Amino acid sequence: MAFVRNKGNADQPIDTPFDQYNRTNAGDPTGSVTPQYAGERILDTTNGTLYQALGTANSTWVQITI
């Protein structure tokens, strides 16, 4: 199990296998949500779309299909 530092609260690490499925955003996260780590996934609750971060900049989100 890998832990990644939580940029929002450095005292609380993130359990990446579970956190990546729990983060949500109302709308496309591109340009508005900064990934906590490369590979993070976020669910767009407005459109039911899943995105994955290719890096740690807010422009690196790409839509993925499952």
Protein backbone atom coordinates (compact mmCIF):
# COMPACT_ATOMS: atom_id res chain seq x y z
CA MET A 1 0.00 0.00 0.00
CA ALA A 2 1.44 3.39 -0.97
CA PHE A 3 0.84 6.62 0.88
CA VAL A 4 1.15 10.03 -0.76
CA ARG A 5 1.37 13.33 1.11
CA ASN A 6 -1.92 15.21 1.19
CA LYS A 7 -1.21 18.69 -0.21
CA GLY A 8 -4.28 20.07 1.59
CA ASN A 9 -3.13 18.87 5.01
CA ALA A 10 0.46 17.62 5.17
CA ASP A 11 -0.22 15.89 8.51
CA GLN A 12 -2.71 13.46 6.97
CA PRO A 13 -1.33 11.06 4.33
CA ILE A 14 -3.60 9.68 1.63
CA ASP A 15 -4.17 5.98 1.07
CA THR A 16 -4.06 6.14 -2.74
CA PRO A 17 -5.85 2.84 -3.51
CA PHE A 18 -8.98 4.18 -1.82
CA ASP A 19 -8.70 7.95 -2.13
CA GLN A 20 -8.56 7.95 -5.91
CA TYR A 21 -12.11 6.60 -6.10
CA ASN A 22 -13.56 8.96 -3.50
CA ARG A 23 -12.62 12.39 -4.84
CA THR A 24 -15.42 14.12 -6.71
CA ASN A 25 -16.01 17.42 -8.47
CA ALA A 26 -19.16 18.98 -9.91
CA GLY A 27 -18.01 19.41 -13.52
CA ASP A 28 -14.84 18.92 -15.55
CA PRO A 29 -11.84 19.31 -13.19
CA THR A 30 -9.49 20.53 -15.95
CA GLY A 31 -8.18 23.97 -15.05
CA SER A 32 -9.99 24.14 -11.72
CA VAL A 33 -8.82 21.21 -9.57
CA THR A 34 -5.15 20.58 -8.77
CA PRO A 35 -4.32 16.86 -8.58
CA GLN A 36 -2.80 15.68 -5.31
CA TYR A 37 -0.56 13.25 -7.24
CA ALA A 38 -0.05 11.97 -10.80
CA GLY A 39 -2.46 9.11 -11.46
CA GLU A 40 -5.18 10.46 -9.18
CA ARG A 41 -8.73 9.90 -10.38
CA ILE A 42 -11.69 12.18 -9.87
CA LEU A 43 -15.36 11.68 -10.69
CA ASP A 44 -17.31 14.48 -12.36
CA THR A 45 -20.63 14.14 -10.54
CA THR A 46 -22.45 16.46 -12.94
CA ASN A 47 -21.72 14.46 -16.10
CA GLY A 48 -20.82 11.05 -14.64
CA THR A 49 -17.37 11.22 -16.20
CA LEU A 50 -14.11 9.89 -14.74
CA TYR A 51 -10.82 11.77 -15.13
CA GLN A 52 -7.22 10.85 -14.35
CA ALA A 53 -4.31 13.21 -13.75
CA LEU A 54 -1.22 12.73 -15.90
CA GLY A 55 0.78 15.12 -13.70
CA THR A 56 0.31 17.50 -10.80
CA ALA A 57 -0.83 20.63 -12.68
CA ASN A 58 -4.55 21.43 -12.94
CA SER A 59 -4.30 21.18 -16.74
CA THR A 60 -3.23 17.50 -16.77
CA TRP A 61 -6.66 15.88 -16.31
CA VAL A 62 -7.74 13.52 -19.09
CA GLN A 63 -11.09 11.80 -19.43
CA ILE A 64 -10.92 8.02 -19.10
CA THR A 65 -13.41 5.36 -20.10
CA ILE A 66 -14.07 2.28 -18.01
